[in-house]
C-alpha cells in the first residue's frame, strides 16, 4: 500500500489494530459527546480544580447509588422498575461521562472513549442472555475496571509513563 503526497510516493504501513480501535473510539465519542464546552475549547475541569473534584465525586457516587439501585437495596421493588434500570445503566450514563468531563491524560481519555462505546453494547446484549440488573451492573463495573487497567489508566491517579 502506498501513499502519494506532494508528487512523491511513500510506503505506508497500516496502523496497528489497537491504534485503529483508539482512533475509531475517539472519533465516535467526539461525534456523540463533543469535548469542547467553553468558547475557547479549554476544559475548565483541570486537575486540582473544584470542578475536577466534583466530577470525581459524581463518578464514585454514581457507582455507589447505581449498585444500591440495581441490587434493589435503594427503592426496593418486587418488579422491574425504572430506578433499577437507571442503577443498571449508571456506569454508562453517569460514571463514564463524569470521568470524561475531567481533564485527563491520553491513556485515560482513550480508555473512556472506548468505554463510551462498549458499555451501551454490553447493556443491550447481556440482558438478551441474562435478565438480571445486578449482573449487568457488575459486568459494566468489570468492563470499566478492565479497560482502564488494560490501557494503564487509573482514573484517580497518575498515568504510568
Protein backbone atom coordinates (compact mmCIF):
# COMPACT_ATOMS: atom_id res chain seq x y z
CA UNK A 1 0.00 0.00 0.00
CA UNK A 2 1.45 3.38 -0.96
CA UNK A 3 0.52 6.91 -0.04
CA UNK A 4 1.09 9.69 -2.53
CA UNK A 5 1.93 13.12 -1.18
CA UNK A 6 3.45 16.10 -2.95
CA UNK A 7 4.40 14.07 -6.04
CA UNK A 8 6.44 11.54 -4.04
CA UNK A 9 5.37 8.04 -3.17
CA UNK A 10 5.91 6.95 0.38
CA UNK A 11 5.42 3.46 1.73
CA UNK A 12 2.73 3.49 4.37
CA UNK A 13 2.40 0.80 6.96
CA UNK A 14 -1.09 0.11 8.21
CA UNK A 15 -1.65 1.22 11.80
CA UNK A 16 -1.94 -1.48 14.46
CA UNK A 17 -5.39 -2.75 15.32
CA UNK A 18 -5.13 -1.17 18.78
CA UNK A 19 -4.39 2.20 17.19
CA UNK A 20 -7.27 1.77 14.74
CA UNK A 21 -9.66 0.97 17.60
CA UNK A 22 -8.42 4.00 19.55
CA UNK A 23 -8.92 6.28 16.53
CA UNK A 24 -12.40 4.92 15.89
CA UNK A 25 -13.38 5.26 19.56
CA UNK A 26 -12.04 8.83 19.72
CA UNK A 27 -13.91 9.83 16.57
CA UNK A 28 -17.18 8.19 17.61
CA UNK A 29 -17.02 9.58 21.14
CA UNK A 30 -16.31 13.05 19.78
CA UNK A 31 -19.33 12.74 17.50
CA UNK A 32 -21.75 11.73 20.24
CA UNK A 33 -20.20 13.61 23.16
CA UNK A 34 -18.27 16.65 21.94
CA UNK A 35 -15.40 17.68 24.17
CA UNK A 36 -15.35 21.47 23.99
CA UNK A 37 -17.77 23.02 26.45
CA UNK A 38 -16.34 26.51 26.53
CA UNK A 39 -15.87 29.10 23.75
CA UNK A 40 -12.08 28.60 23.87
CA UNK A 41 -12.36 24.81 23.84
CA UNK A 42 -10.34 24.53 27.06
CA UNK A 43 -11.64 22.16 29.69
CA UNK A 44 -12.25 24.04 32.96
CA UNK A 45 -12.10 20.76 34.95
CA UNK A 46 -8.30 20.65 35.29
CA UNK A 47 -6.52 18.65 37.98
CA UNK A 48 -6.76 20.38 41.33
CA UNK A 49 -9.81 22.47 40.44
CA UNK A 50 -13.10 22.24 42.30
CA UNK A 51 -14.88 21.14 39.14
CA UNK A 52 -12.39 18.29 38.67
CA UNK A 53 -13.12 17.12 42.23
CA UNK A 54 -16.89 17.43 41.71
CA UNK A 55 -16.74 15.22 38.61
CA UNK A 56 -14.65 12.66 40.54
CA UNK A 57 -17.15 12.58 43.40
CA UNK A 58 -20.00 12.29 40.88
CA UNK A 59 -18.33 9.27 39.26
CA UNK A 60 -17.88 7.46 42.58
CA UNK A 61 -21.37 8.41 43.81
CA UNK A 62 -22.90 7.13 40.57
CA UNK A 63 -21.21 3.77 41.16
CA UNK A 64 -22.45 3.57 44.75
CA UNK A 65 -26.02 4.67 44.03
CA UNK A 66 -26.13 2.56 40.86
CA UNK A 67 -25.11 -0.52 42.82
CA UNK A 68 -27.73 0.16 45.51
CA UNK A 69 -30.43 0.63 42.87
CA UNK A 70 -29.53 -2.33 40.68
CA UNK A 71 -29.15 -4.67 43.67
CA UNK A 72 -32.59 -3.47 44.87
CA UNK A 73 -31.27 -2.01 48.13
CA UNK A 74 -32.43 1.54 47.44
CA UNK A 75 -36.10 2.00 46.49
CA UNK A 76 -36.78 -1.77 46.65
CA UNK A 77 -39.49 -3.28 44.49
CA UNK A 78 -40.64 -6.77 43.57
CA UNK A 79 -40.91 -5.89 39.89
CA UNK A 80 -38.54 -4.49 37.28
CA UNK A 81 -38.67 -0.71 37.71
CA UNK A 82 -37.12 2.44 36.30
CA UNK A 83 -34.85 3.02 39.35
CA UNK A 84 -33.32 -0.45 38.90
CA UNK A 85 -32.84 0.22 35.19
CA UNK A 86 -31.11 3.52 35.94
CA UNK A 87 -28.94 1.73 38.50
CA UNK A 88 -28.02 -0.92 35.97
CA UNK A 89 -27.03 1.76 33.44
CA UNK A 90 -25.37 4.14 35.92
CA UNK A 91 -21.81 3.30 34.88
CA UNK A 92 -22.61 4.17 31.27
CA UNK A 93 -24.94 7.13 31.94
CA UNK A 94 -23.16 8.83 34.86
CA UNK A 95 -19.74 7.41 35.79
CA UNK A 96 -18.02 7.40 32.39
CA UNK A 97 -19.40 10.82 31.35
CA UNK A 98 -18.25 12.32 34.67
CA UNK A 99 -14.78 10.88 34.21
CA UNK A 100 -14.68 12.02 30.55
CA UNK A 101 -15.65 15.56 31.58
CA UNK A 102 -12.46 15.98 33.58
CA UNK A 103 -9.11 16.87 32.07
CA UNK A 104 -7.17 13.62 31.96
CA UNK A 105 -4.18 12.03 30.30
CA UNK A 106 -4.27 10.44 26.86
CA UNK A 107 -4.41 6.86 28.17
CA UNK A 108 -7.39 7.56 30.41
CA UNK A 109 -9.14 9.55 27.67
CA UNK A 110 -8.58 6.67 25.23
CA UNK A 111 -9.98 4.16 27.74
CA UNK A 112 -13.02 6.33 28.50
CA UNK A 113 -13.73 6.87 24.80
CA UNK A 114 -13.65 3.10 24.29
CA UNK A 115 -15.92 2.56 27.31
CA UNK A 116 -18.32 5.17 25.94
CA UNK A 117 -18.87 2.79 23.01
CA UNK A 118 -18.55 -0.62 24.71
CA UNK A 119 -20.88 -0.06 27.66
CA UNK A 120 -24.05 0.52 25.60
CA UNK A 121 -23.30 -2.69 23.71
CA UNK A 122 -22.92 -4.59 26.98
CA UNK A 123 -26.08 -3.00 28.39
CA UNK A 124 -28.09 -4.13 25.38
CA UNK A 125 -26.62 -7.58 24.76
CA UNK A 126 -26.23 -9.00 28.29
CA UNK A 127 -29.98 -8.78 29.11
CA UNK A 128 -30.69 -10.86 26.00
CA UNK A 129 -29.00 -13.79 27.77
CA UNK A 130 -29.34 -12.97 31.48
CA UNK A 131 -32.19 -10.82 32.74
CA UNK A 132 -30.59 -9.51 35.91
CA UNK A 133 -29.99 -5.91 36.90
CA UNK A 134 -27.07 -6.76 39.23
CA UNK A 135 -25.37 -8.91 36.57
CA UNK A 136 -25.44 -6.09 34.01
CA UNK A 137 -24.26 -3.54 36.57
CA UNK A 138 -21.47 -5.90 37.68
CA UNK A 139 -20.43 -6.53 34.08
CA UNK A 140 -20.27 -2.77 33.50
CA UNK A 141 -18.04 -2.31 36.56
CA UNK A 142 -15.78 -5.17 35.45
CA UNK A 143 -15.62 -3.67 31.95
CA UNK A 144 -14.79 -0.23 33.40
CA UNK A 145 -12.01 -1.61 35.60
CA UNK A 146 -10.73 -3.93 32.87
CA UNK A 147 -10.46 -1.30 30.13
CA UNK A 148 -8.83 1.22 32.49
CA UNK A 149 -6.32 -1.45 33.59
CA UNK A 150 -5.70 -2.60 30.00
CA UNK A 151 -4.95 0.97 28.93
CA UNK A 152 -2.83 1.60 32.06
CA UNK A 153 -5.08 4.47 33.08
CA UNK A 154 -6.11 4.68 36.73
CA UNK A 155 -9.00 7.17 36.92
CA UNK A 156 -7.84 8.86 40.12
CA UNK A 157 -4.09 8.51 39.87
CA UNK A 158 -1.20 9.43 37.68
CA UNK A 159 -0.83 7.51 34.45
CA UNK A 160 2.14 5.20 34.27
CA UNK A 161 4.89 6.54 31.99
